[in-house]
Amino acid sequence: MKILVINGPNLNFLGIRDRKIYGTQDYEYLVNLLKKKADELGIELEAWQSNHEGAIIDKLQEAYFEHERGQLDGIVINPGAYTHYSYAIRDALAPLDFPKYEVHISDIHSREDFRHVSVTLPECSKQIAGKGLDGYCMAMEEIVNLLKERKDD
């Protein structure tokens, strides 16, 4: 089983950008946390980050074909600010017919008004927000459990 974690703009600046909201741990810490969780779950992990909308779309399209070849089972995506206005990323998520969890480190629903709306969420299975970096691990665990349940049915 393999999960792809996609991080959007500015997530490579974890530990630098607005520490009161995003914490003091850096991006390398997040990637190591995800690898540790993947090992615990007995799954393969690919962690990927880009500040470029087109690159994220390319990665999502690549994920479609990986899934078709049986090489990818789920996605955890934090689109960053693109969450609130990228219909192009939403459109790239739409044809992916497997678990896709949207994650946000902060509680986007209690922040600035523009952050309350996610245009990408309707194409995702679920959103986890406000759980810090642990939200990523929660999403990975839920995807694995969901896929195991489906396999058992």
N, C-alpha and C. Protein backbone atom coordinates (compact mmCIF):
# COMPACT_ATOMS: atom_id res chain seq x y z
N MET A 1 0.85 -1.17 0.00
CA MET A 1 0.00 0.00 0.00
C MET A 1 0.90 1.24 0.00
N LYS A 2 0.50 2.24 -0.80
CA LYS A 2 1.29 3.47 -0.89
C LYS A 2 0.39 4.69 -0.78
N ILE A 3 0.85 5.67 0.00
CA ILE A 3 0.17 6.95 0.15
C ILE A 3 1.12 8.05 -0.30
N LEU A 4 0.58 8.98 -1.07
CA LEU A 4 1.30 10.16 -1.51
C LEU A 4 0.84 11.34 -0.67
N VAL A 5 1.78 12.07 -0.09
CA VAL A 5 1.48 13.29 0.65
C VAL A 5 1.96 14.46 -0.20
N ILE A 6 1.02 15.32 -0.57
CA ILE A 6 1.32 16.49 -1.37
C ILE A 6 1.18 17.74 -0.50
N ASN A 7 2.23 18.53 -0.45
CA ASN A 7 2.20 19.79 0.27
C ASN A 7 2.36 20.94 -0.70
N GLY A 8 1.50 21.93 -0.56
CA GLY A 8 1.50 23.08 -1.45
C GLY A 8 2.40 24.21 -0.96
N PRO A 9 2.09 25.42 -1.42
CA PRO A 9 2.97 26.57 -1.21
C PRO A 9 3.22 26.89 0.26
N ASN A 10 4.45 27.25 0.50
CA ASN A 10 4.95 27.73 1.79
C ASN A 10 5.10 26.66 2.86
N LEU A 11 4.68 25.43 2.57
CA LEU A 11 4.85 24.40 3.59
C LEU A 11 6.31 24.02 3.78
N ASN A 12 7.13 24.29 2.79
CA ASN A 12 8.57 24.11 2.96
C ASN A 12 9.14 25.14 3.95
N PHE A 13 8.34 26.14 4.32
CA PHE A 13 8.75 27.16 5.28
C PHE A 13 8.22 26.89 6.69
N LEU A 14 7.81 25.64 6.95
CA LEU A 14 7.42 25.29 8.31
C LEU A 14 8.59 25.58 9.25
N GLY A 15 8.27 26.08 10.42
CA GLY A 15 9.29 26.44 11.40
C GLY A 15 9.85 27.83 11.18
N ILE A 16 9.55 28.42 10.04
CA ILE A 16 10.00 29.77 9.71
C ILE A 16 8.80 30.71 9.67
N ARG A 17 7.77 30.29 8.96
CA ARG A 17 6.59 31.11 8.72
C ARG A 17 5.61 31.03 9.88
N ASP A 18 5.22 32.15 10.40
CA ASP A 18 4.18 32.29 11.42
C ASP A 18 4.15 31.14 12.42
N ARG A 19 5.16 31.09 13.26
CA ARG A 19 5.33 29.99 14.21
C ARG A 19 4.18 29.85 15.20
N LYS A 20 3.50 30.96 15.49
CA LYS A 20 2.36 30.88 16.43
C LYS A 20 1.23 30.05 15.84
N ILE A 21 1.12 30.03 14.54
CA ILE A 21 0.05 29.27 13.87
C ILE A 21 0.54 27.88 13.47
N TYR A 22 1.73 27.81 12.87
CA TYR A 22 2.20 26.56 12.27
C TYR A 22 3.23 25.80 13.09
N GLY A 23 3.65 26.36 14.22
CA GLY A 23 4.59 25.69 15.09
C GLY A 23 6.04 25.94 14.72
N THR A 24 6.92 25.34 15.47
CA THR A 24 8.36 25.58 15.31
C THR A 24 9.08 24.45 14.58
N GLN A 25 8.38 23.34 14.33
CA GLN A 25 9.01 22.22 13.63
C GLN A 25 9.13 22.55 12.15
N ASP A 26 10.25 22.15 11.55
CA ASP A 26 10.47 22.46 10.14
C ASP A 26 9.93 21.36 9.22
N TYR A 27 10.07 21.58 7.91
CA TYR A 27 9.53 20.65 6.92
C TYR A 27 10.21 19.28 7.03
N GLU A 28 11.50 19.28 7.27
CA GLU A 28 12.22 18.01 7.43
C GLU A 28 11.64 17.20 8.59
N TYR A 29 11.28 17.89 9.68
CA TYR A 29 10.64 17.22 10.81
C TYR A 29 9.34 16.57 10.36
N LEU A 30 8.53 17.31 9.58
CA LEU A 30 7.26 16.76 9.09
C LEU A 30 7.50 15.51 8.25
N VAL A 31 8.42 15.58 7.33
CA VAL A 31 8.70 14.43 6.46
C VAL A 31 9.14 13.23 7.29
N ASN A 32 9.99 13.44 8.27
CA ASN A 32 10.43 12.34 9.14
C ASN A 32 9.27 11.79 9.96
N LEU A 33 8.38 12.66 10.43
CA LEU A 33 7.18 12.23 11.15
C LEU A 33 6.33 11.33 10.26
N LEU A 34 6.16 11.74 9.00
CA LEU A 34 5.35 10.97 8.05
C LEU A 34 6.00 9.61 7.76
N LYS A 35 7.31 9.60 7.61
CA LYS A 35 8.02 8.33 7.35
C LYS A 35 7.87 7.38 8.53
N LYS A 36 7.98 7.92 9.73
CA LYS A 36 7.82 7.10 10.93
C LYS A 36 6.40 6.52 11.00
N LYS A 37 5.41 7.34 10.67
CA LYS A 37 4.03 6.87 10.68
C LYS A 37 3.82 5.81 9.60
N ALA A 38 4.39 6.02 8.43
CA ALA A 38 4.28 5.03 7.35
C ALA A 38 4.89 3.70 7.78
N ASP A 39 6.05 3.74 8.43
CA ASP A 39 6.69 2.51 8.92
C ASP A 39 5.78 1.81 9.93
N GLU A 40 5.19 2.60 10.82
CA GLU A 40 4.27 2.06 11.83
C GLU A 40 3.07 1.38 11.17
N LEU A 41 2.58 1.98 10.09
CA LEU A 41 1.41 1.44 9.39
C LEU A 41 1.78 0.34 8.39
N GLY A 42 3.07 0.17 8.15
CA GLY A 42 3.53 -0.84 7.21
C GLY A 42 3.21 -0.50 5.76
N ILE A 43 3.32 0.80 5.42
CA ILE A 43 3.01 1.25 4.07
C ILE A 43 4.18 2.02 3.47
N GLU A 44 4.10 2.20 2.17
CA GLU A 44 5.07 3.03 1.47
C GLU A 44 4.56 4.46 1.45
N LEU A 45 5.47 5.41 1.51
CA LEU A 45 5.11 6.83 1.55
C LEU A 45 5.95 7.59 0.53
N GLU A 46 5.29 8.52 -0.14
CA GLU A 46 6.01 9.51 -0.93
C GLU A 46 5.57 10.87 -0.42
N ALA A 47 6.50 11.67 0.07
CA ALA A 47 6.23 13.03 0.52
C ALA A 47 6.78 13.99 -0.53
N TRP A 48 5.95 14.93 -0.96
CA TRP A 48 6.29 15.81 -2.07
C TRP A 48 5.75 17.21 -1.78
N GLN A 49 6.51 18.24 -2.17
CA GLN A 49 6.09 19.62 -1.93
C GLN A 49 6.44 20.48 -3.13
N SER A 50 5.54 21.43 -3.43
CA SER A 50 5.81 22.43 -4.47
C SER A 50 5.10 23.73 -4.14
N ASN A 51 5.73 24.82 -4.52
CA ASN A 51 5.10 26.14 -4.39
C ASN A 51 4.36 26.53 -5.66
N HIS A 52 4.33 25.63 -6.65
CA HIS A 52 3.79 25.96 -7.97
C HIS A 52 2.51 25.19 -8.27
N GLU A 53 1.47 25.91 -8.57
CA GLU A 53 0.16 25.31 -8.84
C GLU A 53 0.24 24.27 -9.96
N GLY A 54 0.88 24.61 -11.06
CA GLY A 54 0.98 23.69 -12.18
C GLY A 54 1.70 22.40 -11.83
N ALA A 55 2.73 22.50 -11.01
CA ALA A 55 3.47 21.31 -10.58
C ALA A 55 2.58 20.40 -9.73
N ILE A 56 1.74 21.00 -8.90
CA ILE A 56 0.81 20.22 -8.07
C ILE A 56 -0.19 19.50 -8.97
N ILE A 57 -0.68 20.19 -9.98
CA ILE A 57 -1.61 19.58 -10.93
C ILE A 57 -0.93 18.43 -11.66
N ASP A 58 0.30 18.65 -12.11
CA ASP A 58 1.05 17.58 -12.77
C ASP A 58 1.20 16.37 -11.86
N LYS A 59 1.48 16.61 -10.58
CA LYS A 59 1.66 15.51 -9.63
C LYS A 59 0.35 14.75 -9.43
N LEU A 60 -0.76 15.47 -9.36
CA LEU A 60 -2.07 14.82 -9.21
C LEU A 60 -2.40 13.98 -10.45
N GLN A 61 -2.08 14.50 -11.62
CA GLN A 61 -2.33 13.73 -12.84
C GLN A 61 -1.44 12.49 -12.89
N GLU A 62 -0.21 12.63 -12.47
CA GLU A 62 0.70 11.49 -12.37
C GLU A 62 0.14 10.45 -11.39
N ALA A 63 -0.44 10.93 -10.29
CA ALA A 63 -1.03 10.04 -9.28
C ALA A 63 -2.17 9.22 -9.87
N TYR A 64 -2.94 9.82 -10.77
CA TYR A 64 -4.03 9.10 -11.43
C TYR A 64 -3.47 7.84 -12.10
N PHE A 65 -2.40 8.02 -12.88
CA PHE A 65 -1.83 6.91 -13.63
C PHE A 65 -1.14 5.90 -12.71
N GLU A 66 -0.52 6.38 -11.64
CA GLU A 66 0.07 5.45 -10.67
C GLU A 66 -1.01 4.57 -10.05
N HIS A 67 -2.13 5.18 -9.72
CA HIS A 67 -3.24 4.40 -9.15
C HIS A 67 -3.75 3.37 -10.16
N GLU A 68 -3.88 3.79 -11.40
CA GLU A 68 -4.35 2.87 -12.45
C GLU A 68 -3.41 1.67 -12.60
N ARG A 69 -2.13 1.86 -12.36
CA ARG A 69 -1.13 0.78 -12.44
C ARG A 69 -1.01 0.01 -11.11
N GLY A 70 -1.83 0.37 -10.13
CA GLY A 70 -1.79 -0.31 -8.84
C GLY A 70 -0.61 0.10 -7.97
N GLN A 71 -0.06 1.29 -8.23
CA GLN A 71 1.12 1.74 -7.51
C GLN A 71 0.84 2.83 -6.48
N LEU A 72 -0.42 3.22 -6.34
CA LEU A 72 -0.79 4.27 -5.38
C LEU A 72 -2.20 4.01 -4.89
N ASP A 73 -2.39 4.19 -3.57
CA ASP A 73 -3.68 3.86 -2.97
C ASP A 73 -4.41 5.03 -2.34
N GLY A 74 -3.71 6.10 -2.01
CA GLY A 74 -4.37 7.24 -1.37
C GLY A 74 -3.49 8.47 -1.40
N ILE A 75 -4.14 9.60 -1.18
CA ILE A 75 -3.45 10.90 -1.17
C ILE A 75 -3.85 11.67 0.08
N VAL A 76 -2.86 12.29 0.69
CA VAL A 76 -3.07 13.31 1.72
C VAL A 76 -2.54 14.59 1.08
N ILE A 77 -3.39 15.60 1.02
CA ILE A 77 -2.99 16.85 0.37
C ILE A 77 -3.26 18.04 1.27
N ASN A 78 -2.24 18.88 1.39
CA ASN A 78 -2.40 20.19 2.02
C ASN A 78 -2.11 21.19 0.90
N PRO A 79 -3.16 21.70 0.24
CA PRO A 79 -2.94 22.61 -0.87
C PRO A 79 -2.48 24.00 -0.46
N GLY A 80 -2.31 24.24 0.84
CA GLY A 80 -1.93 25.57 1.30
C GLY A 80 -2.97 26.59 0.86
N ALA A 81 -2.52 27.76 0.49
CA ALA A 81 -3.44 28.83 0.08
C ALA A 81 -4.26 28.47 -1.15
N TYR A 82 -3.78 27.53 -1.97
CA TYR A 82 -4.55 27.11 -3.14
C TYR A 82 -5.89 26.50 -2.75
N THR A 83 -5.99 26.04 -1.51
CA THR A 83 -7.23 25.49 -0.99
C THR A 83 -8.41 26.41 -1.27
N HIS A 84 -8.16 27.69 -1.16
CA HIS A 84 -9.24 28.67 -1.15
C HIS A 84 -9.60 29.23 -2.51
N TYR A 85 -8.79 28.93 -3.53
CA TYR A 85 -9.13 29.52 -4.84
C TYR A 85 -8.68 28.72 -6.05
N SER A 86 -8.04 27.57 -5.89
CA SER A 86 -7.55 26.86 -7.07
C SER A 86 -8.57 25.84 -7.59
N TYR A 87 -9.37 26.32 -8.50
CA TYR A 87 -10.30 25.41 -9.17
C TYR A 87 -9.54 24.45 -10.07
N ALA A 88 -8.34 24.83 -10.50
CA ALA A 88 -7.51 23.95 -11.32
C ALA A 88 -7.06 22.73 -10.51
N ILE A 89 -6.67 22.93 -9.26
CA ILE A 89 -6.31 21.79 -8.41
C ILE A 89 -7.56 20.97 -8.10
N ARG A 90 -8.66 21.64 -7.85
CA ARG A 90 -9.93 20.92 -7.63
C ARG A 90 -10.24 20.02 -8.83
N ASP A 91 -10.10 20.56 -10.03
CA ASP A 91 -10.38 19.78 -11.24
C ASP A 91 -9.41 18.61 -11.39
N ALA A 92 -8.17 18.78 -10.96
CA ALA A 92 -7.19 17.69 -11.03
C ALA A 92 -7.50 16.59 -10.00
N LEU A 93 -8.09 16.97 -8.88
CA LEU A 93 -8.48 15.99 -7.86
C LEU A 93 -9.71 15.18 -8.29
N ALA A 94 -10.58 15.78 -9.08
CA ALA A 94 -11.88 15.19 -9.40
C ALA A 94 -11.82 13.76 -9.96
N PRO A 95 -10.96 13.47 -10.94
CA PRO A 95 -11.00 12.11 -11.51
C PRO A 95 -10.32 11.04 -10.65
N LEU A 96 -9.70 11.43 -9.56
CA LEU A 96 -8.98 10.48 -8.72
C LEU A 96 -9.99 9.73 -7.85
N ASP A 97 -10.25 8.49 -8.21
CA ASP A 97 -11.29 7.70 -7.56
C ASP A 97 -10.70 6.78 -6.48
N PHE A 98 -10.07 7.40 -5.51
CA PHE A 98 -9.50 6.69 -4.37
C PHE A 98 -9.42 7.69 -3.23
N PRO A 99 -9.15 7.25 -2.00
CA PRO A 99 -9.18 8.17 -0.85
C PRO A 99 -8.22 9.35 -1.00
N LYS A 100 -8.78 10.54 -0.78
CA LYS A 100 -8.02 11.80 -0.85
C LYS A 100 -8.43 12.62 0.38
N TYR A 101 -7.51 12.83 1.28
CA TYR A 101 -7.79 13.59 2.49
C TYR A 101 -7.09 14.95 2.41
N GLU A 102 -7.86 16.00 2.65
CA GLU A 102 -7.31 17.35 2.71
C GLU A 102 -6.93 17.65 4.15
N VAL A 103 -5.71 18.11 4.35
CA VAL A 103 -5.20 18.38 5.70
C VAL A 103 -4.75 19.84 5.79
N HIS A 104 -5.04 20.44 6.93
CA HIS A 104 -4.55 21.78 7.24
C HIS A 104 -4.02 21.78 8.67
N ILE A 105 -2.83 22.32 8.84
CA ILE A 105 -2.19 22.34 10.15
C ILE A 105 -3.00 23.20 11.12
N SER A 106 -3.43 24.36 10.65
CA SER A 106 -4.22 25.26 11.50
C SER A 106 -5.71 25.00 11.29
N ASP A 107 -6.50 25.56 12.17
CA ASP A 107 -7.96 25.48 12.03
C ASP A 107 -8.39 26.60 11.09
N ILE A 108 -8.49 26.28 9.80
CA ILE A 108 -8.81 27.30 8.80
C ILE A 108 -10.18 27.92 9.04
N HIS A 109 -11.04 27.23 9.78
CA HIS A 109 -12.41 27.72 10.01
C HIS A 109 -12.47 28.79 11.10
N SER A 110 -11.38 28.97 11.83
CA SER A 110 -11.37 29.99 12.88
C SER A 110 -10.37 31.11 12.56
N ARG A 111 -9.91 31.13 11.32
CA ARG A 111 -8.96 32.15 10.91
C ARG A 111 -9.66 33.21 10.05
N GLU A 112 -8.91 33.88 9.19
CA GLU A 112 -9.48 34.93 8.35
C GLU A 112 -10.63 34.36 7.51
N ASP A 113 -11.61 35.21 7.21
CA ASP A 113 -12.79 34.77 6.48
C ASP A 113 -12.46 34.04 5.18
N PHE A 114 -11.48 34.53 4.44
CA PHE A 114 -11.18 33.91 3.14
C PHE A 114 -10.70 32.47 3.28
N ARG A 115 -10.19 32.12 4.47
CA ARG A 115 -9.69 30.76 4.67
C ARG A 115 -10.81 29.77 5.02
N HIS A 116 -12.00 30.25 5.29
CA HIS A 116 -13.09 29.37 5.72
C HIS A 116 -13.59 28.48 4.59
N VAL A 117 -13.42 28.92 3.36
CA VAL A 117 -13.93 28.17 2.22
C VAL A 117 -12.81 27.37 1.56
N SER A 118 -13.07 26.09 1.35
CA SER A 118 -12.14 25.24 0.61
C SER A 118 -12.81 24.85 -0.70
N VAL A 119 -12.23 25.29 -1.81
CA VAL A 119 -12.79 24.91 -3.10
C VAL A 119 -12.33 23.50 -3.49
N THR A 120 -11.29 22.98 -2.83
CA THR A 120 -10.79 21.65 -3.14
C THR A 120 -11.49 20.55 -2.35
N LEU A 121 -12.06 20.88 -1.21
CA LEU A 121 -12.69 19.87 -0.35
C LEU A 121 -13.79 19.06 -1.04
N PRO A 122 -14.64 19.64 -1.87
CA PRO A 122 -15.68 18.82 -2.50
C PRO A 122 -15.14 17.64 -3.32
N GLU A 123 -13.89 17.70 -3.73
CA GLU A 123 -13.29 16.60 -4.48
C GLU A 123 -12.44 15.69 -3.60
N CYS A 124 -12.48 15.92 -2.28
CA CYS A 124 -11.74 15.10 -1.33
C CYS A 124 -12.70 14.25 -0.51
N SER A 125 -12.18 13.19 0.07
CA SER A 125 -12.99 12.30 0.90
C SER A 125 -13.31 12.92 2.25
N LYS A 126 -12.36 13.71 2.77
CA LYS A 126 -12.52 14.27 4.12
C LYS A 126 -11.51 15.37 4.32
N GLN A 127 -11.79 16.26 5.27
CA GLN A 127 -10.85 17.31 5.66
C GLN A 127 -10.51 17.15 7.14
N ILE A 128 -9.23 17.28 7.45
CA ILE A 128 -8.77 17.31 8.84
C ILE A 128 -8.04 18.63 9.00
N ALA A 129 -8.53 19.48 9.89
CA ALA A 129 -7.94 20.81 10.08
C ALA A 129 -7.77 21.09 11.56
N GLY A 130 -6.69 21.81 11.87
CA GLY A 130 -6.48 22.28 13.24
C GLY A 130 -5.86 21.26 14.17
N LYS A 131 -5.30 20.21 13.65
CA LYS A 131 -4.69 19.17 14.50
C LYS A 131 -3.17 19.23 14.45
N GLY A 132 -2.63 20.32 13.90
CA GLY A 132 -1.19 20.44 13.79
C GLY A 132 -0.64 19.42 12.81
N LEU A 133 0.62 19.08 12.97
CA LEU A 133 1.24 18.10 12.10
C LEU A 133 0.64 16.71 12.28
N ASP A 134 0.05 16.46 13.44
CA ASP A 134 -0.60 15.17 13.70
C ASP A 134 -1.76 14.91 12.75
N GLY A 135 -2.33 15.97 12.19
CA GLY A 135 -3.42 15.80 11.23
C GLY A 135 -3.02 14.95 10.04
N TYR A 136 -1.76 15.09 9.61
CA TYR A 136 -1.26 14.27 8.51
C TYR A 136 -1.27 12.79 8.90
N CYS A 137 -0.79 12.49 10.10
CA CYS A 137 -0.74 11.11 10.58
C CYS A 137 -2.14 10.54 10.74
N MET A 138 -3.06 11.36 11.23
CA MET A 138 -4.44 10.94 11.36
C MET A 138 -5.01 10.57 10.00
N ALA A 139 -4.75 11.41 9.00
CA ALA A 139 -5.25 11.16 7.65
C ALA A 139 -4.67 9.86 7.09
N MET A 140 -3.38 9.66 7.26
CA MET A 140 -2.75 8.43 6.76
C MET A 140 -3.37 7.20 7.41
N GLU A 141 -3.56 7.26 8.71
CA GLU A 141 -4.13 6.12 9.44
C GLU A 141 -5.57 5.85 8.99
N GLU A 142 -6.35 6.91 8.81
CA GLU A 142 -7.73 6.72 8.36
C GLU A 142 -7.79 6.13 6.95
N ILE A 143 -6.91 6.58 6.07
CA ILE A 143 -6.89 6.03 4.71
C ILE A 143 -6.54 4.55 4.75
N VAL A 144 -5.52 4.17 5.51
CA VAL A 144 -5.12 2.77 5.62
C VAL A 144 -6.28 1.94 6.16
N ASN A 145 -6.93 2.41 7.22
CA ASN A 145 -8.05 1.67 7.79
C ASN A 145 -9.21 1.54 6.81
N LEU A 146 -9.50 2.60 6.08
CA LEU A 146 -10.56 2.59 5.08
C LEU A 146 -10.26 1.57 3.99
N LEU A 147 -9.03 1.56 3.51
CA LEU A 147 -8.65 0.62 2.45
C LEU A 147 -8.67 -0.82 2.95
N LYS A 148 -8.27 -1.05 4.19
CA LYS A 148 -8.32 -2.40 4.76
C LYS A 148 -9.76 -2.87 4.89
N GLU A 149 -10.66 -1.97 5.31
CA GLU A 149 -12.08 -2.31 5.41
C GLU A 149 -12.64 -2.68 4.05
N ARG A 150 -12.31 -1.90 3.03
CA ARG A 150 -12.79 -2.18 1.68
C ARG A 150 -12.28 -3.52 1.18
N LYS A 151 -11.03 -3.83 1.51
CA LYS A 151 -10.42 -5.09 1.08
C LYS A 151 -11.12 -6.27 1.73
N ASP A 152 -11.52 -6.10 3.00
CA ASP A 152 -12.16 -7.17 3.76
C ASP A 152 -13.60 -7.43 3.31
N ASP A 153 -14.21 -6.43 2.68
CA ASP A 153 -15.62 -6.58 2.25
C ASP A 153 -15.77 -7.49 1.06
